[in-house]
Amino acid sequence: MQNLLTQWIDMATANRVLAEALSRGGDFAEIYAERVESVRIPMEENKIQSAEIRQSLGAGIRVLHGEKQGYAYTDDLSLEKLLEAALVSAHIAHGGKSAAPVSVTLGQAPDFYPVRVSPNDVSVRDKVALVQRANAAAYEYDDRVRQVSSTLLHTEKEIFVANSDGVYITDSQPMLRFQVGVLAVEESDSQMGYYGGGGRNGMEWFESNSPECIACESARQALVQIGAEEAPAGAMPVIIDNAWGGVWLHEAVGHGLEGDFNRKKTSIYTDRVGEKVASELCTVVDDATVTNARGSLNIDDEGTPGQSKTLIENGRLTGYMQDRLNAQLMNAARTGSGRRQSYQHIPLPRMTNTFLANGNHHPDEIVSSVPRGFYAKYFSGGQVDISNGNYVFNVTEGYLIENGKITRPVKGATLIGNGPNDLTKVSMIGNNLKLDPGIGMCGKDGQSVPVGVGMPMILISEMTVGGTSMR
């Protein structure tokens, strides 16, 4: 199916706009355009008040000259407005000799997210039925469930990239997300649970992920916290579970491996390629090619094909995630990591699907090796200082480990540590690598993009747990 953006910006138009962008000098020029349509169907208080359909269309023109970036955008894809935006960008990043861009030629993107059943081919009635099923299942799970919210969101996004190197390429990026939130109450104790999933899928995702299962897991998370003890405080062994536990890796380590922080020398990992930065058990990968995963990309937002890149191998730092600008300034190769929230934003080096590679230990073996410790199953938000790697994470579901067994649930726990330091303390890695179910978003410099995270179960020999129980 033809990308509709090429009807507005054909090859002749692209060549003319790129020539205008470089008319005052500059090293490189680029056109990025996108068309987005999203449908959101929420259900709260047993009612669907309304459904939302949102559409957007626009393009941004970028000119690079050394470290300077000129950027201007428009929501009007007429030739006149594109040329105006190109001229604004040219004035911002002018310099050097004016050079004609290479004439564009059509490129072909890979396909890492095939869709069998497009959401656009499913009736609104059938979509509403999915959120109704989740709502009913959550209330039926336990009579302590008092409030339920369930939401189906699907997005169809078309992007287009043309640049002065001759690139002219498009991609169609589907996204599906289904999420359920539950409030459970017992006397004066109220707790929330959230669960969901999705990815770059079609409606076939529901064939193996029923609304009932999503709702019941959300309710379980809320209920397990009711009556839970206060979390212990102090240094102890910590086990982080697989899948969503990868958000710890994403925040505590991943951001520090993005190219811009290292070019500006604000990351703890700056100038450390080749050095040992983690336990030799640790291999960290960022992979945009995982089939149908939330963070996968056929091409990034600069037109570079999605790639799988090893960032840390057997404990040694092998490289950084790079977009065009930072790769050029660092004399490094682009890694397909240039991402932006929308046509109104410049691209930045960002993660896609970031995970810790499999180890050799069975999860039961890891748990049984800990006489006393803490088990973190799910996280919510946290804070990380990129310059030194210090972080604090909130644990939404955690348990005590006693005599080699996961026992009582605890609440109010935080994990306090230092990413690079804690990677050196990883003493066991499970053989149960799994990506999160597909709900992650990552924020940076005011831009949010969808990402995947993952890991096997890991044991960190010692970490500080923040809690209120001192026993």
Protein backbone atom coordinates (compact mmCIF):
# COMPACT_ATOMS: atom_id res chain seq x y z
CA MET A 1 0.00 0.00 0.00
CA GLN A 2 1.37 3.40 -0.99
CA ASN A 3 2.32 5.78 1.78
CA LEU A 4 0.01 8.79 1.36
CA LEU A 5 2.77 11.24 2.25
CA THR A 6 4.47 10.59 -1.08
CA GLN A 7 1.40 12.09 -2.78
CA TRP A 8 2.20 15.42 -1.13
CA ILE A 9 5.99 15.16 -1.32
CA ASP A 10 6.98 13.39 -4.51
CA MET A 11 10.61 13.07 -5.58
CA ALA A 12 10.62 16.31 -7.55
CA THR A 13 9.19 18.21 -4.58
CA ALA A 14 11.69 16.61 -2.21
CA ASN A 15 14.63 17.59 -4.43
CA ARG A 16 13.41 21.18 -4.68
CA VAL A 17 12.84 21.56 -0.92
CA LEU A 18 16.23 20.04 -0.07
CA ALA A 19 17.95 22.39 -2.51
CA GLU A 20 16.26 25.35 -0.82
CA ALA A 21 17.32 24.05 2.60
CA LEU A 22 20.98 24.03 1.50
CA SER A 23 20.78 27.33 -0.38
CA ARG A 24 22.69 29.20 2.36
CA GLY A 25 25.24 26.48 2.96
CA GLY A 26 25.12 23.63 5.43
CA ASP A 27 26.40 20.07 5.53
CA PHE A 28 23.13 18.17 5.34
CA ALA A 29 19.40 18.70 4.86
CA GLU A 30 16.42 16.49 5.66
CA ILE A 31 12.65 16.38 5.29
CA TYR A 32 10.66 14.41 7.84
CA ALA A 33 6.89 14.12 7.42
CA GLU A 34 4.26 12.13 9.28
CA ARG A 35 0.56 11.38 9.22
CA VAL A 36 -1.00 9.95 12.40
CA GLU A 37 -4.48 8.68 13.16
CA SER A 38 -5.30 7.27 16.60
CA VAL A 39 -8.45 5.80 18.12
CA ARG A 40 -8.99 5.63 21.88
CA ILE A 41 -11.89 3.80 23.54
CA PRO A 42 -11.91 4.22 27.35
CA MET A 43 -14.36 2.71 29.85
CA GLU A 44 -14.69 4.07 33.39
CA GLU A 45 -17.38 3.66 36.04
CA ASN A 46 -18.98 0.95 33.90
CA LYS A 47 -19.59 3.41 31.08
CA ILE A 48 -18.02 4.48 27.83
CA GLN A 49 -18.56 8.21 27.85
CA SER A 50 -16.96 8.83 24.47
CA ALA A 51 -14.45 7.53 21.98
CA GLU A 52 -11.68 9.70 20.58
CA ILE A 53 -10.28 9.89 17.07
CA ARG A 54 -7.26 12.12 16.61
CA GLN A 55 -5.43 13.00 13.41
CA SER A 56 -2.30 14.98 12.71
CA LEU A 57 -0.27 15.80 9.63
CA GLY A 58 2.92 17.79 9.22
CA ALA A 59 6.54 17.99 8.20
CA GLY A 60 9.80 19.31 9.60
CA ILE A 61 12.83 20.52 7.65
CA ARG A 62 16.27 20.22 9.23
CA VAL A 63 19.64 21.63 8.20
CA LEU A 64 22.91 20.63 9.89
CA HIS A 65 26.15 22.58 9.87
CA GLY A 66 28.71 21.28 12.33
CA GLU A 67 26.97 21.25 15.71
CA LYS A 68 24.29 23.70 14.58
CA GLN A 69 20.80 22.48 13.76
CA GLY A 70 18.23 24.57 11.97
CA TYR A 71 14.70 23.21 12.29
CA ALA A 72 11.31 24.47 11.22
CA TYR A 73 8.02 22.65 10.81
CA THR A 74 4.63 23.13 9.21
CA ASP A 75 1.24 21.41 9.27
CA ASP A 76 0.67 22.48 5.67
CA LEU A 77 2.38 20.19 3.13
CA SER A 78 1.97 22.53 0.19
CA LEU A 79 5.15 23.29 -1.74
CA GLU A 80 4.97 26.93 -0.67
CA LYS A 81 4.96 26.13 3.05
CA LEU A 82 7.63 23.45 2.74
CA LEU A 83 9.91 25.93 0.97
CA GLU A 84 9.24 28.52 3.69
CA ALA A 85 10.22 26.02 6.40
CA ALA A 86 13.32 25.04 4.43
CA LEU A 87 14.42 28.66 4.17
CA VAL A 88 13.95 29.24 7.91
CA SER A 89 16.10 26.19 8.69
CA ALA A 90 18.70 27.36 6.18
CA HIS A 91 18.99 30.74 7.90
CA ILE A 92 19.44 29.12 11.33
CA ALA A 93 22.19 26.67 10.33
CA HIS A 94 23.81 28.49 7.43
CA GLY A 95 27.52 28.27 6.80
CA GLY A 96 30.10 26.83 4.46
CA LYS A 97 29.72 26.48 0.74
CA SER A 98 26.32 25.94 -0.78
CA ALA A 99 26.18 22.46 -2.31
CA ALA A 100 23.45 20.81 -4.34
CA PRO A 101 21.85 17.79 -2.66
CA VAL A 102 22.06 14.33 -4.22
CA SER A 103 18.90 13.57 -6.19
CA VAL A 104 16.69 11.28 -4.15
CA THR A 105 15.97 7.68 -5.08
CA LEU A 106 13.30 5.44 -3.61
CA GLY A 107 14.48 3.14 -0.82
CA GLN A 108 12.85 0.01 0.60
CA ALA A 109 12.43 -0.45 4.36
CA PRO A 110 12.47 -3.89 6.04
CA ASP A 111 9.30 -5.17 7.73
CA PHE A 112 9.70 -6.00 11.42
CA TYR A 113 6.02 -5.57 12.29
CA PRO A 114 3.69 -7.49 9.99
CA VAL A 115 -0.01 -7.05 10.82
CA ARG A 116 -2.62 -9.67 9.99
CA VAL A 117 -5.79 -7.93 11.23
CA SER A 118 -5.76 -4.14 10.97
CA PRO A 119 -7.75 -2.38 13.72
CA ASN A 120 -9.30 -0.29 10.95
CA ASP A 121 -10.95 -3.47 9.63
CA VAL A 122 -12.62 -4.23 12.98
CA SER A 123 -15.95 -2.64 13.89
CA VAL A 124 -16.29 -0.16 16.72
CA ARG A 125 -18.82 -2.52 18.30
CA ASP A 126 -16.22 -5.30 18.49
CA LYS A 127 -13.61 -2.94 19.96
CA VAL A 128 -16.07 -1.75 22.60
CA ALA A 129 -16.76 -5.38 23.49
CA LEU A 130 -13.08 -5.86 24.37
CA VAL A 131 -13.04 -3.10 26.99
CA GLN A 132 -16.41 -4.28 28.33
CA ARG A 133 -15.05 -7.81 28.77
CA ALA A 134 -12.06 -6.49 30.70
CA ASN A 135 -14.28 -4.33 32.89
CA ALA A 136 -16.55 -7.26 33.77
CA ALA A 137 -13.65 -9.63 34.46
CA ALA A 138 -11.97 -7.21 36.87
CA TYR A 139 -15.14 -6.75 38.94
CA GLU A 140 -15.78 -10.49 38.96
CA TYR A 141 -12.24 -11.25 40.16
CA ASP A 142 -12.89 -10.17 43.77
CA ASP A 143 -15.59 -8.21 45.58
CA ARG A 144 -12.92 -5.86 46.95
CA VAL A 145 -12.48 -4.42 43.45
CA ARG A 146 -14.27 -1.06 43.58
CA GLN A 147 -13.19 0.83 40.46
CA VAL A 148 -12.02 -0.30 37.04
CA SER A 149 -10.78 1.60 34.00
CA SER A 150 -10.00 -0.16 30.74
CA THR A 151 -8.72 1.43 27.55
CA LEU A 152 -8.04 0.33 23.99
CA LEU A 153 -5.77 2.58 21.94
CA HIS A 154 -4.59 1.93 18.41
CA THR A 155 -2.56 4.19 16.16
CA GLU A 156 -1.62 4.16 12.50
CA LYS A 157 1.43 6.31 11.79
CA GLU A 158 2.99 6.91 8.39
CA ILE A 159 6.41 8.54 8.18
CA PHE A 160 8.47 9.83 5.28
CA VAL A 161 12.16 10.80 5.18
CA ALA A 162 14.10 12.41 2.34
CA ASN A 163 17.56 13.90 2.69
CA SER A 164 20.44 15.45 0.80
CA ASP A 165 22.30 12.12 0.71
CA GLY A 166 19.65 10.91 -1.75
CA VAL A 167 17.44 9.00 0.70
CA TYR A 168 13.70 8.85 -0.06
CA ILE A 169 11.99 6.26 2.13
CA THR A 170 8.71 5.64 3.97
CA ASP A 171 7.37 3.46 6.76
CA SER A 172 3.96 2.56 8.18
CA GLN A 173 4.10 2.07 11.95
CA PRO A 174 1.12 0.44 13.70
CA MET A 175 0.73 0.55 17.47
CA LEU A 176 -1.75 -1.22 19.74
CA ARG A 177 -2.14 -0.77 23.49
CA PHE A 178 -4.68 -2.28 25.88
CA GLN A 179 -4.53 -1.38 29.56
CA VAL A 180 -6.60 -1.97 32.68
CA GLY A 181 -6.40 -0.13 36.00
CA VAL A 182 -8.02 -1.44 39.18
CA LEU A 183 -8.70 0.07 42.61
CA ALA A 184 -9.17 -2.49 45.39
CA VAL A 185 -10.37 -1.54 48.88
CA GLU A 186 -10.53 -3.39 52.18
CA GLU A 187 -11.58 -1.29 55.15
CA SER A 188 -9.15 1.67 55.18
CA ASP A 189 -6.57 0.05 52.89
CA SER A 190 -6.85 0.92 49.18
CA GLN A 191 -4.40 -0.17 46.50
CA MET A 192 -4.06 0.30 42.73
CA GLY A 193 -3.05 -2.22 40.12
CA TYR A 194 -2.16 -1.59 36.47
CA TYR A 195 -1.47 -4.04 33.69
CA GLY A 196 -1.64 -4.06 29.94
CA GLY A 197 0.14 -4.91 26.75
CA GLY A 198 0.38 -4.47 23.03
CA GLY A 199 3.05 -3.49 20.55
CA ARG A 200 3.33 -2.94 16.82
CA ASN A 201 0.53 -5.45 16.29
CA GLY A 202 -2.88 -5.77 14.78
CA MET A 203 -5.99 -7.09 16.48
CA GLU A 204 -4.59 -10.61 16.23
CA TRP A 205 -2.74 -9.73 19.45
CA PHE A 206 -5.94 -10.50 21.37
CA GLU A 207 -5.86 -14.11 20.17
CA SER A 208 -3.14 -14.82 22.74
CA ASN A 209 -3.84 -11.95 25.17
CA SER A 210 -7.45 -11.94 26.28
CA PRO A 211 -9.01 -8.87 27.93
CA GLU A 212 -9.96 -11.13 30.85
CA CYS A 213 -6.33 -12.12 31.52
CA ILE A 214 -5.20 -8.49 31.40
CA ALA A 215 -7.96 -7.45 33.81
CA CYS A 216 -7.32 -10.28 36.26
CA GLU A 217 -3.60 -9.52 36.41
CA SER A 218 -4.35 -5.88 37.13
CA ALA A 219 -6.74 -6.89 39.92
CA ARG A 220 -4.21 -9.35 41.34
CA GLN A 221 -1.56 -6.64 41.55
CA ALA A 222 -3.92 -4.37 43.49
CA LEU A 223 -5.12 -7.07 45.88
CA VAL A 224 -1.70 -8.48 46.72
CA GLN A 225 -0.76 -5.14 48.27
CA ILE A 226 -3.75 -5.04 50.60
CA GLY A 227 -2.53 -5.92 54.06
CA ALA A 228 1.09 -6.11 52.91
CA GLU A 229 3.78 -5.36 55.47
CA GLU A 230 5.99 -2.31 55.31
CA ALA A 231 9.14 -2.96 53.30
CA PRO A 232 12.42 -3.54 55.13
CA ALA A 233 15.22 -0.99 54.94
CA GLY A 234 18.92 -1.58 54.47
CA ALA A 235 21.49 -3.26 52.24
CA MET A 236 20.62 -6.78 51.14
CA PRO A 237 20.61 -9.11 48.13
CA VAL A 238 17.95 -8.08 45.60
CA ILE A 239 16.34 -10.18 42.89
CA ILE A 240 14.74 -8.28 40.01
CA ASP A 241 12.21 -10.27 38.00
CA ASN A 242 12.28 -10.70 34.25
CA ALA A 243 10.29 -8.77 31.59
CA TRP A 244 9.11 -5.47 33.13
CA GLY A 245 12.11 -5.60 35.47
CA GLY A 246 14.03 -4.41 32.42
CA VAL A 247 12.83 -0.88 33.17
CA TRP A 248 15.56 -0.86 35.83
CA LEU A 249 18.17 -1.55 33.12
CA HIS A 250 16.60 1.00 30.77
CA GLU A 251 16.73 3.83 33.28
CA ALA A 252 19.77 2.99 35.40
CA VAL A 253 22.05 2.08 32.48
CA GLY A 254 20.44 2.65 29.08
CA HIS A 255 20.19 6.44 29.03
CA GLY A 256 23.85 6.74 29.91
CA LEU A 257 24.69 4.89 26.68
CA GLU A 258 22.95 7.38 24.38
CA GLY A 259 25.34 9.20 22.09
CA ASP A 260 24.50 12.81 22.92
CA PHE A 261 25.27 12.44 26.62
CA ASN A 262 28.62 10.89 25.77
CA ARG A 263 29.51 13.48 23.13
CA LYS A 264 28.80 16.20 25.68
CA LYS A 265 30.74 14.19 28.30
CA THR A 266 27.86 14.24 30.78
CA SER A 267 27.48 10.44 31.06
CA ILE A 268 29.24 8.18 33.53
CA TYR A 269 30.14 6.04 30.48
CA THR A 270 31.92 8.80 28.53
CA ASP A 271 35.23 7.71 26.91
CA ARG A 272 34.97 4.22 28.37
CA VAL A 273 34.50 2.09 25.24
CA GLY A 274 36.52 -1.10 25.70
CA GLU A 275 36.52 -0.84 29.49
CA LYS A 276 34.86 -3.24 31.88
CA VAL A 277 31.70 -1.51 33.12
CA ALA A 278 29.67 -4.49 34.37
CA SER A 279 29.91 -8.05 35.60
CA GLU A 280 31.27 -10.37 32.91
CA LEU A 281 27.86 -12.07 33.05
CA CYS A 282 26.21 -8.98 31.54
CA THR A 283 25.53 -8.39 27.86
CA VAL A 284 23.22 -5.46 27.08
CA VAL A 285 21.50 -5.17 23.71
CA ASP A 286 19.31 -2.52 22.07
CA ASP A 287 17.38 -4.19 19.26
CA ALA A 288 14.98 -2.40 16.92
CA THR A 289 14.39 -5.56 14.87
CA VAL A 290 12.33 -7.64 17.35
CA THR A 291 9.18 -8.75 15.52
CA ASN A 292 6.11 -6.69 16.52
CA ALA A 293 7.78 -5.30 19.66
CA ARG A 294 6.71 -1.88 20.91
CA GLY A 295 10.09 -0.25 20.38
CA SER A 296 10.89 -1.83 17.01
CA LEU A 297 11.60 0.30 13.93
CA ASN A 298 11.84 -0.58 10.27
CA ILE A 299 13.60 2.77 9.89
CA ASP A 300 14.35 5.37 12.51
CA ASP A 301 13.10 8.94 12.19
CA GLU A 302 16.14 9.84 10.08
CA GLY A 303 15.55 7.04 7.55
CA THR A 304 18.30 4.74 8.87
CA PRO A 305 17.25 1.06 8.96
CA GLY A 306 16.48 -0.39 12.39
CA GLN A 307 19.36 -2.37 13.85
CA SER A 308 20.33 -4.70 16.66
CA LYS A 309 23.36 -3.34 18.51
CA THR A 310 25.31 -4.78 21.42
CA LEU A 311 26.17 -2.01 23.88
CA ILE A 312 27.88 -4.04 26.60
CA GLU A 313 29.33 -7.47 25.85
CA ASN A 314 30.47 -9.77 28.65
CA GLY A 315 30.83 -6.75 30.89
CA ARG A 316 32.78 -4.52 28.47
CA LEU A 317 31.38 -1.37 26.88
CA THR A 318 31.32 -1.75 23.09
CA GLY A 319 29.60 1.44 21.92
CA TYR A 320 26.78 3.95 22.14
CA MET A 321 23.40 4.50 20.50
CA GLN A 322 23.82 7.11 17.77
CA ASP A 323 21.69 9.38 15.64
CA ARG A 324 23.11 11.21 12.61
CA LEU A 325 24.32 14.39 14.33
CA ASN A 326 26.11 12.75 17.23
CA ALA A 327 27.55 9.95 15.11
CA GLN A 328 29.03 12.52 12.74
CA LEU A 329 30.50 14.62 15.55
CA MET A 330 31.91 11.53 17.31
CA ASN A 331 33.20 9.94 14.08
CA ALA A 332 31.03 6.90 14.76
CA ALA A 333 28.53 4.86 12.77
CA ARG A 334 24.82 5.59 12.96
CA THR A 335 22.90 2.86 14.78
CA GLY A 336 19.32 3.58 13.69
CA SER A 337 18.64 5.32 17.02
CA GLY A 338 17.45 8.74 15.80
CA ARG A 339 13.94 9.14 17.20
CA ARG A 340 11.49 12.00 17.68
CA GLN A 341 8.07 12.39 19.24
CA SER A 342 6.57 14.06 16.19
CA TYR A 343 7.29 16.26 13.19
CA GLN A 344 7.47 19.18 15.63
CA HIS A 345 10.64 17.80 17.25
CA ILE A 346 14.26 17.23 16.28
CA PRO A 347 15.56 13.65 16.46
CA LEU A 348 17.64 12.49 19.43
CA PRO A 349 19.56 9.26 20.07
CA ARG A 350 17.07 7.03 21.90
CA MET A 351 16.57 3.43 22.94
CA THR A 352 14.26 1.02 21.08
CA ASN A 353 13.96 -2.43 22.75
CA THR A 354 16.68 -2.61 25.41
CA PHE A 355 17.38 -5.79 27.32
CA LEU A 356 19.90 -7.88 29.21
CA ALA A 357 20.81 -11.11 27.41
CA ASN A 358 19.99 -14.53 28.84
CA GLY A 359 22.12 -16.24 31.46
CA ASN A 360 22.40 -19.88 32.52
CA HIS A 361 20.54 -20.09 35.83
CA HIS A 362 17.02 -21.37 36.39
CA PRO A 363 14.93 -18.80 38.31
CA ASP A 364 14.31 -21.31 41.13
CA GLU A 365 18.07 -21.69 41.52
CA ILE A 366 18.48 -17.93 41.87
CA VAL A 367 15.76 -17.61 44.52
CA SER A 368 16.98 -20.60 46.54
CA SER A 369 20.48 -19.09 46.73
CA VAL A 370 19.28 -16.12 48.82
CA PRO A 371 18.81 -16.76 52.57
CA ARG A 372 17.37 -13.29 53.19
CA GLY A 373 16.69 -10.56 50.67
CA PHE A 374 14.17 -8.65 48.58
CA TYR A 375 12.33 -9.64 45.39
CA ALA A 376 11.19 -6.82 43.07
CA LYS A 377 8.54 -7.92 40.59
CA TYR A 378 7.06 -4.66 39.25
CA PHE A 379 8.21 -1.04 39.19
CA SER A 380 6.56 2.30 38.62
CA GLY A 381 8.49 5.55 38.21
CA GLY A 382 11.99 6.47 39.25
CA GLN A 383 14.69 9.09 38.98
CA VAL A 384 18.17 8.73 37.47
CA ASP A 385 21.13 11.11 37.35
CA ILE A 386 22.86 10.44 34.01
CA SER A 387 26.07 12.14 35.11
CA ASN A 388 26.82 9.70 37.93
CA GLY A 389 24.35 6.83 37.49
CA ASN A 390 22.60 7.28 40.84
CA TYR A 391 18.94 6.24 40.84
CA VAL A 392 15.85 5.70 42.97
CA PHE A 393 13.06 3.37 41.79
CA ASN A 394 9.62 2.81 43.27
CA VAL A 395 8.62 -0.85 43.60
CA THR A 396 4.90 -1.47 43.09
CA GLU A 397 5.05 -5.20 43.84
CA GLY A 398 7.74 -6.63 46.09
CA TYR A 399 8.26 -9.55 48.45
CA LEU A 400 10.57 -10.74 51.17
CA ILE A 401 12.93 -13.62 50.43
CA GLU A 402 13.36 -15.85 53.46
CA ASN A 403 15.36 -19.07 53.58
CA GLY A 404 15.55 -19.27 49.81
CA LYS A 405 11.84 -18.74 49.21
CA ILE A 406 9.68 -15.80 48.09
CA THR A 407 7.33 -15.24 51.01
CA ARG A 408 5.37 -12.20 52.20
CA PRO A 409 4.41 -9.19 50.07
CA VAL A 410 5.68 -5.81 51.25
CA LYS A 411 4.77 -2.27 50.24
CA GLY A 412 6.42 1.12 50.14
CA ALA A 413 9.78 -0.18 48.88
CA THR A 414 12.29 1.75 46.81
CA LEU A 415 15.53 0.58 45.25
CA ILE A 416 18.41 3.00 45.75
CA GLY A 417 21.63 2.49 43.89
CA ASN A 418 24.09 3.34 41.16
CA GLY A 419 23.63 1.77 37.73
CA PRO A 420 27.27 1.18 36.76
CA ASN A 421 28.15 -0.01 40.27
CA ASP A 422 25.16 -2.34 40.52
CA LEU A 423 25.91 -3.90 37.12
CA THR A 424 29.23 -5.08 38.58
CA LYS A 425 27.30 -6.77 41.41
CA VAL A 426 25.12 -8.92 39.15
CA SER A 427 26.05 -12.38 40.40
CA MET A 428 23.41 -14.59 38.74
CA ILE A 429 21.37 -14.20 35.55
CA GLY A 430 18.37 -16.35 34.73
CA ASN A 431 17.58 -18.21 31.52
CA ASN A 432 14.10 -16.67 31.24
CA LEU A 433 14.65 -13.54 29.13
CA LYS A 434 11.38 -11.86 28.23
CA LEU A 435 10.39 -8.43 26.98
CA ASP A 436 7.75 -6.43 28.81
CA PRO A 437 4.15 -6.89 27.59
CA GLY A 438 4.31 -3.74 25.47
CA ILE A 439 3.26 -0.61 27.35
CA GLY A 440 6.52 1.30 27.89
CA MET A 441 7.08 4.98 27.14
CA CYS A 442 10.37 6.82 27.50
CA GLY A 443 10.77 10.54 28.10
CA LYS A 444 13.81 12.66 27.24
CA ASP A 445 14.18 16.41 26.68
CA GLY A 446 10.41 16.83 26.61
CA GLN A 447 9.87 14.08 24.02
CA SER A 448 8.12 10.75 24.61
CA VAL A 449 8.55 7.69 22.39
CA PRO A 450 7.38 4.06 22.74
CA VAL A 451 10.02 1.58 23.88
CA GLY A 452 10.42 -2.03 24.91
CA VAL A 453 12.36 -3.24 27.94
CA GLY A 454 13.33 -6.70 29.08
CA MET A 455 15.66 -8.95 30.99
CA PRO A 456 15.91 -12.37 32.59
CA MET A 457 15.64 -12.63 36.37
CA ILE A 458 18.84 -11.30 37.96
CA LEU A 459 20.44 -11.35 41.39
CA ILE A 460 22.33 -8.28 42.59
CA SER A 461 24.50 -9.36 45.50
CA GLU A 462 23.84 -6.19 47.49
CA MET A 463 21.61 -3.17 46.98
CA THR A 464 20.01 -0.62 49.27
CA VAL A 465 16.30 -1.11 49.80
CA GLY A 466 14.43 1.90 51.09
CA GLY A 467 11.56 1.07 53.43
CA THR A 468 10.09 1.88 56.82
CA SER A 469 10.49 -1.45 58.60
CA MET A 470 13.80 -1.73 60.47
CA ARG A 471 13.47 -5.29 61.71
